[in-house]
Protein backbone atom coordinates (compact mmCIF):
# COMPACT_ATOMS: atom_id res chain seq x y z
CA MET A 1 39.68 -81.31 -5.41
CA ASP A 2 41.89 -78.63 -6.89
CA LYS A 3 45.27 -77.73 -5.43
CA ILE A 4 44.19 -74.31 -4.08
CA THR A 5 41.30 -75.85 -2.15
CA GLN A 6 43.54 -78.62 -0.79
CA THR A 7 46.15 -76.09 0.34
CA ASN A 8 43.48 -74.07 2.13
CA LEU A 9 42.07 -77.18 3.80
CA ASP A 10 45.55 -78.09 5.04
CA SER A 11 45.95 -74.55 6.39
CA LEU A 12 42.82 -74.84 8.57
CA PHE A 13 44.79 -76.80 11.14
CA SER A 14 47.82 -74.50 11.01
CA GLU A 15 49.01 -72.74 14.15
CA ASP A 16 49.61 -69.63 12.03
CA ARG A 17 46.40 -67.65 12.67
CA GLU A 18 46.77 -65.45 9.61
CA LEU A 19 47.14 -68.48 7.34
CA GLN A 20 44.28 -70.23 9.13
CA ASN A 21 41.98 -67.21 8.82
CA LYS A 22 42.70 -66.80 5.10
CA ALA A 23 41.95 -70.49 4.56
CA TYR A 24 38.74 -70.18 6.57
CA SER A 25 37.55 -67.21 4.48
CA PHE A 26 38.37 -68.98 1.23
CA LEU A 27 36.62 -72.20 2.24
CA MET A 28 33.54 -70.50 3.65
CA GLU A 29 33.10 -68.70 0.34
CA GLU A 30 33.69 -71.92 -1.64
CA THR A 31 31.09 -73.80 0.43
CA GLU A 32 28.34 -71.24 -0.06
CA LYS A 33 27.43 -73.43 -3.02
CA PRO A 34 27.54 -77.23 -3.26
CA VAL A 35 31.02 -78.68 -3.76
CA ASP A 36 32.10 -82.11 -5.00
CA TRP A 37 34.82 -82.57 -2.37
CA ALA A 38 32.66 -82.54 0.78
CA TYR A 39 33.34 -86.16 1.69
CA GLU A 40 37.08 -85.77 1.18
CA VAL A 41 37.12 -83.46 4.22
CA TRP A 42 34.01 -84.51 6.16
CA ASP A 43 35.71 -86.83 8.67
CA LYS A 44 38.60 -84.42 9.21
CA LEU A 45 36.15 -81.63 10.01
CA LEU A 46 34.21 -83.93 12.35
CA GLY A 47 37.50 -84.57 14.15
CA GLY A 48 38.03 -80.81 14.25
CA LEU A 49 34.90 -80.47 16.39
CA LYS A 50 36.93 -81.98 19.27
CA HIS A 51 40.26 -80.27 18.47
CA LYS A 52 42.24 -78.83 21.40
CA ASP A 53 42.21 -75.39 19.72
CA ASN A 54 38.81 -73.74 20.09
CA HIS A 55 39.44 -71.72 16.92
CA VAL A 56 39.69 -74.98 14.95
CA ARG A 57 36.49 -76.24 16.61
CA ALA A 58 34.66 -73.09 15.51
CA ILE A 59 35.98 -73.30 11.96
CA ALA A 60 35.17 -77.00 11.64
CA SER A 61 31.60 -76.46 12.86
CA GLN A 62 30.95 -73.59 10.47
CA LEU A 63 32.37 -75.45 7.49
CA LEU A 64 30.34 -78.57 8.29
CA ALA A 65 27.19 -76.46 8.45
CA ASN A 66 28.04 -75.02 5.03
CA LEU A 67 28.87 -78.44 3.61
CA ALA A 68 25.42 -79.81 4.49
CA LYS A 69 24.15 -78.63 1.10
CA SER A 70 26.79 -80.90 -0.50
CA ASP A 71 25.78 -83.91 1.62
CA SER A 72 23.99 -86.09 -0.93
CA ASP A 73 24.62 -89.21 1.21
CA GLY A 74 22.82 -87.74 4.25
CA ARG A 75 25.75 -88.05 6.63
CA MET A 76 24.56 -85.01 8.55
CA PHE A 77 21.64 -87.05 9.88
CA LYS A 78 24.05 -89.12 11.97
CA ASP A 79 26.51 -86.29 12.64
CA PHE A 80 24.14 -83.44 13.50
CA ASP A 81 24.23 -84.15 17.25
CA ARG A 82 28.01 -83.82 17.18
CA LEU A 83 27.66 -80.45 15.48
CA LEU A 84 24.93 -79.35 17.89
CA ALA A 85 27.19 -80.32 20.81
CA VAL A 86 29.62 -77.58 19.76
CA THR A 87 26.90 -75.05 20.65
CA MET A 88 27.71 -76.04 24.25
CA ASP A 89 31.49 -75.67 23.86
CA GLU A 90 33.45 -74.68 26.97
CA ARG A 91 34.54 -71.53 25.12
CA PHE A 92 31.42 -69.47 24.58
CA VAL A 93 32.81 -67.71 21.50
CA THR A 94 33.25 -71.13 19.85
CA ALA A 95 29.76 -72.22 20.85
CA ARG A 96 28.32 -69.02 19.47
CA HIS A 97 30.12 -69.26 16.12
CA CYS A 98 28.67 -72.73 15.69
CA LEU A 99 25.24 -71.67 16.84
CA GLN A 100 25.12 -68.75 14.43
CA SER A 101 25.86 -70.96 11.42
CA ILE A 102 24.05 -74.20 12.27
CA TRP A 103 20.83 -73.05 10.60
CA LYS A 104 22.54 -73.53 7.23
CA VAL A 105 22.22 -77.28 7.69
CA GLY A 106 18.50 -76.76 7.13
CA LEU A 107 19.15 -75.46 3.63
CA ALA A 108 20.02 -78.99 2.49
CA GLY A 109 16.42 -80.23 2.38
CA LYS A 110 13.12 -80.54 4.20
CA LYS A 111 14.29 -83.36 6.49
CA GLN A 112 17.45 -81.47 7.41
CA GLN A 113 15.34 -78.38 8.02
CA GLN A 114 13.15 -80.28 10.47
CA MET A 115 16.23 -81.72 12.19
CA VAL A 116 17.62 -78.21 12.69
CA VAL A 117 14.32 -76.81 13.95
CA ASP A 118 13.93 -79.71 16.41
CA GLY A 119 17.55 -79.46 17.56
CA LEU A 120 17.38 -75.71 18.08
CA GLY A 121 14.06 -76.03 19.88
CA LYS A 122 15.54 -78.53 22.30
CA ARG A 123 18.64 -76.37 22.76
CA PHE A 124 16.44 -73.32 23.49
CA GLU A 125 14.71 -75.17 26.29
CA GLU A 126 17.84 -76.82 27.73
CA CYS A 127 19.94 -73.65 27.94
CA ALA A 128 17.74 -72.05 30.63
CA THR A 129 20.34 -72.61 33.37
CA GLU A 130 23.41 -71.66 31.33
CA LYS A 131 25.39 -68.50 31.98
CA ASN A 132 24.72 -66.98 28.54
CA CYS A 133 21.18 -68.24 28.14
CA THR A 134 19.75 -65.01 26.75
CA LEU A 135 22.40 -64.77 24.03
CA ILE A 136 21.97 -68.43 23.14
CA ARG A 137 18.22 -68.01 22.91
CA TYR A 138 18.57 -64.86 20.84
CA ASP A 139 20.89 -66.65 18.39
CA ILE A 140 18.45 -69.55 18.13
CA ILE A 141 15.58 -67.21 17.29
CA VAL A 142 17.77 -65.48 14.67
CA ASP A 143 18.70 -68.90 13.25
CA LEU A 144 15.05 -69.81 12.90
CA GLN A 145 14.30 -66.46 11.30
CA ASN A 146 17.17 -66.95 8.83
CA LEU A 147 15.89 -70.41 7.92
CA TYR A 148 12.33 -69.10 7.59
CA HIS A 149 13.50 -66.23 5.38
CA VAL A 150 14.96 -68.72 2.89
CA SER A 151 12.30 -71.47 3.11
CA ARG A 152 9.14 -69.49 3.91
CA ASP A 153 7.95 -72.52 5.87
CA GLU A 154 5.33 -71.24 8.32
CA ALA A 155 6.06 -74.14 10.69
CA ILE A 156 9.46 -72.59 11.42
CA LYS A 157 7.90 -69.27 12.31
CA GLU A 158 5.32 -71.01 14.51
CA LYS A 159 8.08 -72.91 16.33
CA ALA A 160 10.06 -69.72 16.91
CA LEU A 161 7.01 -67.92 18.30
CA GLU A 162 6.30 -70.93 20.54
CA LEU A 163 9.84 -70.80 21.88
CA ILE A 164 9.61 -67.06 22.52
CA GLU A 165 6.56 -67.70 24.69
CA LEU A 166 8.68 -69.99 26.90
CA GLU A 167 10.77 -67.00 27.99
CA ASP A 168 9.77 -65.78 31.45
CA ASP A 169 11.51 -62.41 31.33
CA GLU A 170 9.34 -59.92 29.43
CA LYS A 171 12.39 -57.85 28.43
CA TYR A 172 13.94 -60.79 26.61
CA LYS A 173 10.63 -62.03 25.26
CA LYS A 174 10.23 -58.63 23.61
CA LYS A 175 13.81 -58.71 22.29
CA TYR A 176 13.33 -62.17 20.74
CA ALA A 177 9.98 -61.18 19.24
CA GLY A 178 11.68 -58.14 17.71
CA VAL A 179 13.68 -60.45 15.45
CA TRP A 180 10.42 -61.40 13.73
CA LYS A 181 9.26 -57.82 13.25
CA LYS A 182 12.21 -56.89 11.03
């Protein structure tokens, strides 16, 4: 790993928000493509999912989702549930940041794609009693649409449409369906 990347990784856990945000932006851009240093930071980011600072939890979850495409050893298969758990974080903004990026795990391969679709499907059903259920469900439908847009796998679209049909409120059913009409 080069020195600039290492410095930015160290800055992720800084209490200086400006420094932390710059590091986040740099690393998110770096991890848009596969990197050879994923496993040098993997465990630290997993630890970040439980960090006392919700900002660190959000950053760690988003970076892990991006790093899935660099996961040649398949670690995400055992760690995905830990990542998915952040979508239920006590701080909704943290949960939402994770939720909005978790679909990227599915870009790593067909098996990862299925794991994401299954995990999001389960999350869609389980969130029915949560305070922000409609936002969670909307984000899940957008995630599935994003994954479909890249993969063109009709099974993803079918799953999303199935989930939309589970919604009882016609207003929200229409809103979720609108994601697929774009």
